[in-house]
Amino acid sequence: MSLWTPGGEHTPSPSPEPQSAPTPSLEDLSPDERRQLEAMQAEMAEVRAQLLAAPASVVVANHAMGIYELAAIHLTAERPTLAEASLAIDALAALVDNLEGRLGEAEPTLREALAHLRAAYLEVRGRAGQGGPGDHEADAGA
């Protein structure tokens, strides 16, 4: 393969394969390390089983509340970061609006949380005197 460059056609030389660290095998582990590995694997299997048993709406709502917290952290920081808050608010709105009727019992709470975030965003933006030229986040989905 060749590449066109301002100086003409150039054929790059093949790169050497990256050297990777050898992957340890179970035989390389001490008995204590094997027990730790087996305990971690059992714990991961238990978490997976719990997730499998939970309705997806509950897990999605839990993640949505994490996004809510992320937006709130950016809005309540000593120096609020509106662009970051806006992204989190828009992500929460995407979940809530696009999954309407599918979020189970948490849906009204998530809608209320989204409304509070939008209002808080506008309040913080107003206090900061932002919203003029260069404020590309507009109204954070409001």
N, C-alpha and C. Protein backbone atom coordinates (compact mmCIF):
# COMPACT_ATOMS: atom_id res chain seq x y z
N MET A 1 0.85 -1.16 0.00
CA MET A 1 0.00 0.00 0.00
C MET A 1 0.90 1.23 0.00
N SER A 2 0.51 2.24 -0.74
CA SER A 2 1.27 3.47 -0.76
C SER A 2 0.35 4.63 -0.39
N LEU A 3 0.95 5.69 0.08
CA LEU A 3 0.22 6.89 0.47
C LEU A 3 0.68 8.05 -0.38
N TRP A 4 -0.24 8.91 -0.73
CA TRP A 4 0.14 10.11 -1.43
C TRP A 4 0.52 11.15 -0.38
N THR A 5 1.64 11.79 -0.56
CA THR A 5 2.08 12.87 0.32
C THR A 5 2.44 14.06 -0.56
N PRO A 6 2.53 15.26 0.01
CA PRO A 6 2.94 16.41 -0.82
C PRO A 6 4.28 16.19 -1.51
N GLY A 7 5.13 15.34 -0.95
CA GLY A 7 6.42 15.05 -1.55
C GLY A 7 6.35 13.93 -2.57
N GLY A 8 5.19 13.40 -2.82
CA GLY A 8 5.02 12.31 -3.78
C GLY A 8 4.53 11.05 -3.11
N GLU A 9 4.57 9.97 -3.88
CA GLU A 9 4.10 8.67 -3.42
C GLU A 9 5.05 8.13 -2.36
N HIS A 10 4.50 7.56 -1.29
CA HIS A 10 5.33 7.04 -0.20
C HIS A 10 4.80 5.67 0.19
N THR A 11 5.69 4.70 0.26
CA THR A 11 5.33 3.36 0.71
C THR A 11 5.87 3.17 2.12
N PRO A 12 4.97 3.12 3.11
CA PRO A 12 5.46 2.97 4.49
C PRO A 12 6.03 1.58 4.72
N SER A 13 7.03 1.54 5.58
CA SER A 13 7.59 0.24 5.93
C SER A 13 6.68 -0.41 6.97
N PRO A 14 6.58 -1.72 6.94
CA PRO A 14 5.71 -2.38 7.92
C PRO A 14 6.19 -2.13 9.34
N SER A 15 5.22 -1.89 10.23
CA SER A 15 5.56 -1.67 11.64
C SER A 15 5.81 -3.01 12.29
N PRO A 16 6.74 -3.02 13.23
CA PRO A 16 6.94 -4.27 13.96
C PRO A 16 5.72 -4.55 14.84
N GLU A 17 5.46 -5.82 15.04
CA GLU A 17 4.34 -6.21 15.90
C GLU A 17 4.61 -5.73 17.32
N PRO A 18 3.60 -5.14 17.97
CA PRO A 18 3.82 -4.67 19.34
C PRO A 18 4.11 -5.86 20.27
N GLN A 19 5.03 -5.64 21.16
CA GLN A 19 5.38 -6.66 22.14
C GLN A 19 4.37 -6.60 23.28
N SER A 20 3.72 -7.68 23.56
CA SER A 20 2.77 -7.70 24.67
C SER A 20 3.32 -8.60 25.76
N ALA A 21 2.91 -8.28 26.95
CA ALA A 21 3.33 -9.08 28.10
C ALA A 21 2.68 -10.45 27.98
N PRO A 22 3.39 -11.49 28.33
CA PRO A 22 2.77 -12.82 28.26
C PRO A 22 1.60 -12.91 29.24
N THR A 23 0.55 -13.56 28.79
CA THR A 23 -0.62 -13.74 29.63
C THR A 23 -0.36 -14.88 30.60
N PRO A 24 -0.49 -14.59 31.91
CA PRO A 24 -0.23 -15.66 32.87
C PRO A 24 -1.31 -16.75 32.76
N SER A 25 -0.91 -17.95 32.97
CA SER A 25 -1.87 -19.05 32.95
C SER A 25 -2.18 -19.44 34.39
N LEU A 26 -3.17 -20.28 34.56
CA LEU A 26 -3.55 -20.73 35.91
C LEU A 26 -2.38 -21.43 36.59
N GLU A 27 -1.55 -22.09 35.80
CA GLU A 27 -0.40 -22.79 36.38
C GLU A 27 0.59 -21.81 37.01
N ASP A 28 0.59 -20.55 36.53
CA ASP A 28 1.51 -19.55 37.06
C ASP A 28 1.04 -18.95 38.39
N LEU A 29 -0.19 -19.23 38.78
CA LEU A 29 -0.74 -18.64 39.99
C LEU A 29 -0.44 -19.51 41.21
N SER A 30 -0.25 -18.83 42.31
CA SER A 30 -0.05 -19.56 43.57
C SER A 30 -1.42 -20.07 44.03
N PRO A 31 -1.45 -21.03 44.94
CA PRO A 31 -2.74 -21.52 45.45
C PRO A 31 -3.60 -20.39 46.02
N ASP A 32 -2.97 -19.43 46.71
CA ASP A 32 -3.73 -18.30 47.26
C ASP A 32 -4.31 -17.43 46.14
N GLU A 33 -3.51 -17.19 45.10
CA GLU A 33 -3.99 -16.39 43.97
C GLU A 33 -5.12 -17.10 43.24
N ARG A 34 -5.04 -18.42 43.14
CA ARG A 34 -6.13 -19.20 42.51
C ARG A 34 -7.41 -19.07 43.32
N ARG A 35 -7.30 -19.15 44.65
CA ARG A 35 -8.49 -19.00 45.50
C ARG A 35 -9.10 -17.61 45.31
N GLN A 36 -8.24 -16.60 45.25
CA GLN A 36 -8.74 -15.23 45.05
C GLN A 36 -9.44 -15.11 43.70
N LEU A 37 -8.84 -15.69 42.66
CA LEU A 37 -9.44 -15.66 41.33
C LEU A 37 -10.78 -16.37 41.33
N GLU A 38 -10.84 -17.54 41.94
CA GLU A 38 -12.09 -18.30 41.99
C GLU A 38 -13.15 -17.54 42.78
N ALA A 39 -12.77 -16.87 43.86
CA ALA A 39 -13.72 -16.07 44.64
C ALA A 39 -14.24 -14.91 43.81
N MET A 40 -13.35 -14.25 43.06
CA MET A 40 -13.78 -13.14 42.21
C MET A 40 -14.72 -13.64 41.10
N GLN A 41 -14.42 -14.77 40.53
CA GLN A 41 -15.27 -15.34 39.48
C GLN A 41 -16.65 -15.70 40.04
N ALA A 42 -16.67 -16.25 41.25
CA ALA A 42 -17.95 -16.60 41.88
C ALA A 42 -18.76 -15.33 42.17
N GLU A 43 -18.08 -14.29 42.64
CA GLU A 43 -18.76 -13.03 42.92
C GLU A 43 -19.31 -12.41 41.63
N MET A 44 -18.54 -12.47 40.57
CA MET A 44 -19.02 -11.94 39.29
C MET A 44 -20.22 -12.73 38.79
N ALA A 45 -20.19 -14.04 38.97
CA ALA A 45 -21.32 -14.88 38.56
C ALA A 45 -22.57 -14.53 39.37
N GLU A 46 -22.39 -14.25 40.65
CA GLU A 46 -23.52 -13.87 41.51
C GLU A 46 -24.11 -12.53 41.06
N VAL A 47 -23.26 -11.56 40.77
CA VAL A 47 -23.74 -10.25 40.30
C VAL A 47 -24.48 -10.42 38.98
N ARG A 48 -23.93 -11.23 38.10
CA ARG A 48 -24.58 -11.48 36.81
C ARG A 48 -25.96 -12.11 37.01
N ALA A 49 -26.05 -13.07 37.93
CA ALA A 49 -27.33 -13.72 38.21
C ALA A 49 -28.34 -12.71 38.78
N GLN A 50 -27.86 -11.83 39.65
CA GLN A 50 -28.76 -10.81 40.21
C GLN A 50 -29.26 -9.87 39.12
N LEU A 51 -28.36 -9.46 38.22
CA LEU A 51 -28.78 -8.59 37.12
C LEU A 51 -29.78 -9.29 36.21
N LEU A 52 -29.54 -10.55 35.96
CA LEU A 52 -30.43 -11.34 35.11
C LEU A 52 -31.82 -11.46 35.74
N ALA A 53 -31.87 -11.55 37.07
CA ALA A 53 -33.14 -11.69 37.77
C ALA A 53 -33.91 -10.38 37.88
N ALA A 54 -33.22 -9.25 37.79
CA ALA A 54 -33.88 -7.95 37.93
C ALA A 54 -34.52 -7.54 36.60
N PRO A 55 -35.70 -6.92 36.67
CA PRO A 55 -36.30 -6.40 35.43
C PRO A 55 -35.36 -5.34 34.82
N ALA A 56 -35.24 -5.34 33.52
CA ALA A 56 -34.37 -4.38 32.84
C ALA A 56 -34.78 -2.95 33.17
N SER A 57 -36.07 -2.70 33.36
CA SER A 57 -36.53 -1.34 33.67
C SER A 57 -35.91 -0.84 34.98
N VAL A 58 -35.72 -1.72 35.94
CA VAL A 58 -35.12 -1.34 37.22
C VAL A 58 -33.64 -1.00 37.03
N VAL A 59 -32.95 -1.81 36.25
CA VAL A 59 -31.52 -1.58 36.02
C VAL A 59 -31.32 -0.30 35.22
N VAL A 60 -32.12 -0.08 34.19
CA VAL A 60 -32.02 1.14 33.39
C VAL A 60 -32.33 2.36 34.25
N ALA A 61 -33.36 2.28 35.08
CA ALA A 61 -33.71 3.40 35.96
C ALA A 61 -32.57 3.70 36.93
N ASN A 62 -31.92 2.67 37.42
CA ASN A 62 -30.78 2.85 38.32
C ASN A 62 -29.65 3.59 37.60
N HIS A 63 -29.37 3.21 36.39
CA HIS A 63 -28.35 3.90 35.62
C HIS A 63 -28.77 5.34 35.31
N ALA A 64 -30.05 5.53 35.04
CA ALA A 64 -30.55 6.89 34.78
C ALA A 64 -30.35 7.78 36.00
N MET A 65 -30.54 7.24 37.19
CA MET A 65 -30.31 8.03 38.39
C MET A 65 -28.83 8.36 38.55
N GLY A 66 -27.98 7.49 38.08
CA GLY A 66 -26.55 7.81 38.07
C GLY A 66 -26.26 8.98 37.15
N ILE A 67 -26.93 9.05 36.02
CA ILE A 67 -26.78 10.17 35.09
C ILE A 67 -27.32 11.44 35.74
N TYR A 68 -28.44 11.32 36.47
CA TYR A 68 -28.99 12.45 37.21
C TYR A 68 -27.95 13.00 38.19
N GLU A 69 -27.33 12.10 38.94
CA GLU A 69 -26.30 12.50 39.91
C GLU A 69 -25.14 13.19 39.22
N LEU A 70 -24.74 12.68 38.07
CA LEU A 70 -23.64 13.29 37.32
C LEU A 70 -23.98 14.73 36.95
N ALA A 71 -25.18 14.96 36.44
CA ALA A 71 -25.60 16.32 36.09
C ALA A 71 -25.64 17.21 37.32
N ALA A 72 -26.18 16.69 38.41
CA ALA A 72 -26.27 17.47 39.64
C ALA A 72 -24.89 17.85 40.17
N ILE A 73 -23.94 16.95 40.08
CA ILE A 73 -22.58 17.24 40.53
C ILE A 73 -21.99 18.39 39.72
N HIS A 74 -22.19 18.36 38.42
CA HIS A 74 -21.65 19.44 37.58
C HIS A 74 -22.37 20.76 37.83
N LEU A 75 -23.64 20.71 38.16
CA LEU A 75 -24.38 21.95 38.42
C LEU A 75 -24.07 22.55 39.78
N THR A 76 -23.73 21.71 40.75
CA THR A 76 -23.52 22.20 42.11
C THR A 76 -22.05 22.36 42.47
N ALA A 77 -21.16 22.15 41.51
CA ALA A 77 -19.73 22.33 41.77
C ALA A 77 -19.45 23.79 42.10
N GLU A 78 -18.33 24.03 42.77
CA GLU A 78 -17.95 25.40 43.11
C GLU A 78 -17.94 26.26 41.84
N ARG A 79 -17.40 25.69 40.78
CA ARG A 79 -17.45 26.35 39.47
C ARG A 79 -18.24 25.42 38.56
N PRO A 80 -19.55 25.60 38.43
CA PRO A 80 -20.36 24.69 37.62
C PRO A 80 -19.82 24.55 36.20
N THR A 81 -19.89 23.34 35.71
CA THR A 81 -19.47 23.07 34.33
C THR A 81 -20.73 22.78 33.51
N LEU A 82 -21.23 23.83 32.89
CA LEU A 82 -22.51 23.75 32.20
C LEU A 82 -22.50 22.81 31.00
N ALA A 83 -21.41 22.77 30.27
CA ALA A 83 -21.36 21.87 29.11
C ALA A 83 -21.48 20.41 29.55
N GLU A 84 -20.80 20.08 30.64
CA GLU A 84 -20.87 18.70 31.15
C GLU A 84 -22.26 18.40 31.70
N ALA A 85 -22.82 19.34 32.44
CA ALA A 85 -24.17 19.16 32.97
C ALA A 85 -25.17 19.00 31.83
N SER A 86 -25.00 19.81 30.80
CA SER A 86 -25.90 19.75 29.65
C SER A 86 -25.89 18.38 28.99
N LEU A 87 -24.69 17.82 28.83
CA LEU A 87 -24.58 16.49 28.23
C LEU A 87 -25.31 15.45 29.07
N ALA A 88 -25.10 15.50 30.38
CA ALA A 88 -25.77 14.53 31.26
C ALA A 88 -27.28 14.71 31.24
N ILE A 89 -27.74 15.96 31.23
CA ILE A 89 -29.18 16.23 31.18
C ILE A 89 -29.76 15.71 29.88
N ASP A 90 -29.07 15.96 28.79
CA ASP A 90 -29.55 15.47 27.49
C ASP A 90 -29.56 13.95 27.44
N ALA A 91 -28.59 13.30 28.06
CA ALA A 91 -28.56 11.84 28.10
C ALA A 91 -29.74 11.30 28.90
N LEU A 92 -30.02 11.93 30.04
CA LEU A 92 -31.18 11.51 30.84
C LEU A 92 -32.47 11.73 30.06
N ALA A 93 -32.57 12.85 29.38
CA ALA A 93 -33.76 13.14 28.57
C ALA A 93 -33.92 12.10 27.46
N ALA A 94 -32.82 11.70 26.84
CA ALA A 94 -32.89 10.69 25.78
C ALA A 94 -33.46 9.39 26.32
N LEU A 95 -33.01 9.00 27.51
CA LEU A 95 -33.54 7.77 28.11
C LEU A 95 -35.02 7.90 28.45
N VAL A 96 -35.34 8.96 29.17
CA VAL A 96 -36.72 9.13 29.66
C VAL A 96 -37.69 9.32 28.50
N ASP A 97 -37.32 10.17 27.55
CA ASP A 97 -38.24 10.46 26.45
C ASP A 97 -38.37 9.30 25.47
N ASN A 98 -37.28 8.62 25.19
CA ASN A 98 -37.32 7.54 24.21
C ASN A 98 -37.81 6.21 24.77
N LEU A 99 -37.84 6.10 26.09
CA LEU A 99 -38.33 4.86 26.70
C LEU A 99 -39.66 5.07 27.41
N GLU A 100 -40.38 6.09 26.99
CA GLU A 100 -41.67 6.42 27.62
C GLU A 100 -42.57 5.18 27.68
N GLY A 101 -43.10 4.94 28.88
CA GLY A 101 -43.99 3.81 29.09
C GLY A 101 -43.28 2.50 29.35
N ARG A 102 -41.94 2.50 29.35
CA ARG A 102 -41.20 1.25 29.52
C ARG A 102 -40.30 1.25 30.74
N LEU A 103 -40.33 2.32 31.53
CA LEU A 103 -39.41 2.44 32.67
C LEU A 103 -40.04 2.03 33.99
N GLY A 104 -41.20 1.46 33.94
CA GLY A 104 -41.84 0.93 35.15
C GLY A 104 -42.18 1.99 36.18
N GLU A 105 -42.15 1.58 37.44
CA GLU A 105 -42.54 2.46 38.55
C GLU A 105 -41.65 3.69 38.67
N ALA A 106 -40.44 3.62 38.18
CA ALA A 106 -39.49 4.73 38.32
C ALA A 106 -39.74 5.86 37.33
N GLU A 107 -40.57 5.63 36.33
CA GLU A 107 -40.72 6.64 35.27
C GLU A 107 -41.18 8.00 35.78
N PRO A 108 -42.21 8.08 36.63
CA PRO A 108 -42.61 9.41 37.11
C PRO A 108 -41.48 10.11 37.89
N THR A 109 -40.74 9.35 38.67
CA THR A 109 -39.63 9.92 39.43
C THR A 109 -38.55 10.44 38.49
N LEU A 110 -38.26 9.67 37.45
CA LEU A 110 -37.25 10.09 36.48
C LEU A 110 -37.68 11.34 35.72
N ARG A 111 -38.95 11.42 35.38
CA ARG A 111 -39.46 12.62 34.69
C ARG A 111 -39.34 13.85 35.60
N GLU A 112 -39.69 13.67 36.86
CA GLU A 112 -39.58 14.78 37.81
C GLU A 112 -38.12 15.18 38.01
N ALA A 113 -37.25 14.21 38.11
CA ALA A 113 -35.82 14.49 38.27
C ALA A 113 -35.29 15.26 37.07
N LEU A 114 -35.72 14.88 35.88
CA LEU A 114 -35.30 15.58 34.67
C LEU A 114 -35.79 17.02 34.67
N ALA A 115 -37.03 17.23 35.08
CA ALA A 115 -37.58 18.60 35.15
C ALA A 115 -36.79 19.44 36.15
N HIS A 116 -36.45 18.86 37.29
CA HIS A 116 -35.66 19.59 38.29
C HIS A 116 -34.28 19.95 37.76
N LEU A 117 -33.65 19.02 37.06
CA LEU A 117 -32.33 19.30 36.49
C LEU A 117 -32.39 20.42 35.47
N ARG A 118 -33.41 20.38 34.63
CA ARG A 118 -33.54 21.43 33.62
C ARG A 118 -33.71 22.80 34.27
N ALA A 119 -34.55 22.85 35.30
CA ALA A 119 -34.76 24.12 36.00
C ALA A 119 -33.47 24.57 36.69
N ALA A 120 -32.77 23.65 37.32
CA ALA A 120 -31.52 23.99 38.00
C ALA A 120 -30.48 24.47 36.99
N TYR A 121 -30.43 23.83 35.85
CA TYR A 121 -29.49 24.25 34.81
C TYR A 121 -29.75 25.70 34.41
N LEU A 122 -31.01 26.02 34.15
CA LEU A 122 -31.35 27.39 33.74
C LEU A 122 -31.01 28.39 34.85
N GLU A 123 -31.25 28.01 36.10
CA GLU A 123 -30.93 28.89 37.22
C GLU A 123 -29.43 29.12 37.33
N VAL A 124 -28.65 28.06 37.25
CA VAL A 124 -27.20 28.19 37.36
C VAL A 124 -26.65 28.98 36.18
N ARG A 125 -27.15 28.71 35.01
CA ARG A 125 -26.69 29.45 33.83
C ARG A 125 -27.02 30.93 33.96
N GLY A 126 -28.19 31.23 34.48
CA GLY A 126 -28.58 32.63 34.69
C GLY A 126 -27.69 33.32 35.70
N ARG A 127 -27.38 32.63 36.81
CA ARG A 127 -26.50 33.21 37.83
C ARG A 127 -25.10 33.44 37.29
N ALA A 128 -24.67 32.55 36.42
CA ALA A 128 -23.32 32.66 35.87
C ALA A 128 -23.27 33.71 34.77
N GLY A 129 -24.43 34.22 34.37
CA GLY A 129 -24.47 35.23 33.32
C GLY A 129 -24.11 34.68 31.97
N GLN A 130 -24.32 33.40 31.79
CA GLN A 130 -24.00 32.79 30.50
C GLN A 130 -25.25 32.70 29.66
N GLY A 131 -25.05 32.27 28.46
CA GLY A 131 -26.18 32.12 27.55
C GLY A 131 -26.01 32.99 26.34
N GLY A 132 -24.90 33.73 26.31
CA GLY A 132 -24.65 34.60 25.17
C GLY A 132 -23.88 33.86 24.10
N PRO A 133 -23.19 34.64 23.25
CA PRO A 133 -22.42 34.02 22.17
C PRO A 133 -21.40 33.03 22.73
N GLY A 134 -21.27 31.92 22.03
CA GLY A 134 -20.32 30.90 22.45
C GLY A 134 -20.92 29.90 23.42
N ASP A 135 -22.13 30.13 23.88
CA ASP A 135 -22.77 29.16 24.78
C ASP A 135 -23.51 28.16 23.91
N HIS A 136 -22.82 27.13 23.48
CA HIS A 136 -23.38 26.19 22.53
C HIS A 136 -24.36 25.20 23.14
N GLU A 137 -24.48 25.20 24.46
CA GLU A 137 -25.37 24.19 25.05
C GLU A 137 -26.81 24.66 25.13
N ALA A 138 -27.09 25.88 24.76
CA ALA A 138 -28.46 26.42 24.72
C ALA A 138 -29.18 26.16 26.03
N ASP A 139 -30.30 25.48 25.98
CA ASP A 139 -31.14 25.31 27.17
C ASP A 139 -31.13 23.90 27.72
N ALA A 140 -30.12 23.14 27.49
CA ALA A 140 -29.98 21.77 28.02
C ALA A 140 -31.25 20.98 27.85
N GLY A 141 -31.76 20.98 26.66
CA GLY A 141 -32.96 20.18 26.38
C GLY A 141 -34.22 20.79 26.92
N ALA A 142 -34.15 21.98 27.50
CA ALA A 142 -35.36 22.59 28.07
C ALA A 142 -36.23 23.17 26.98
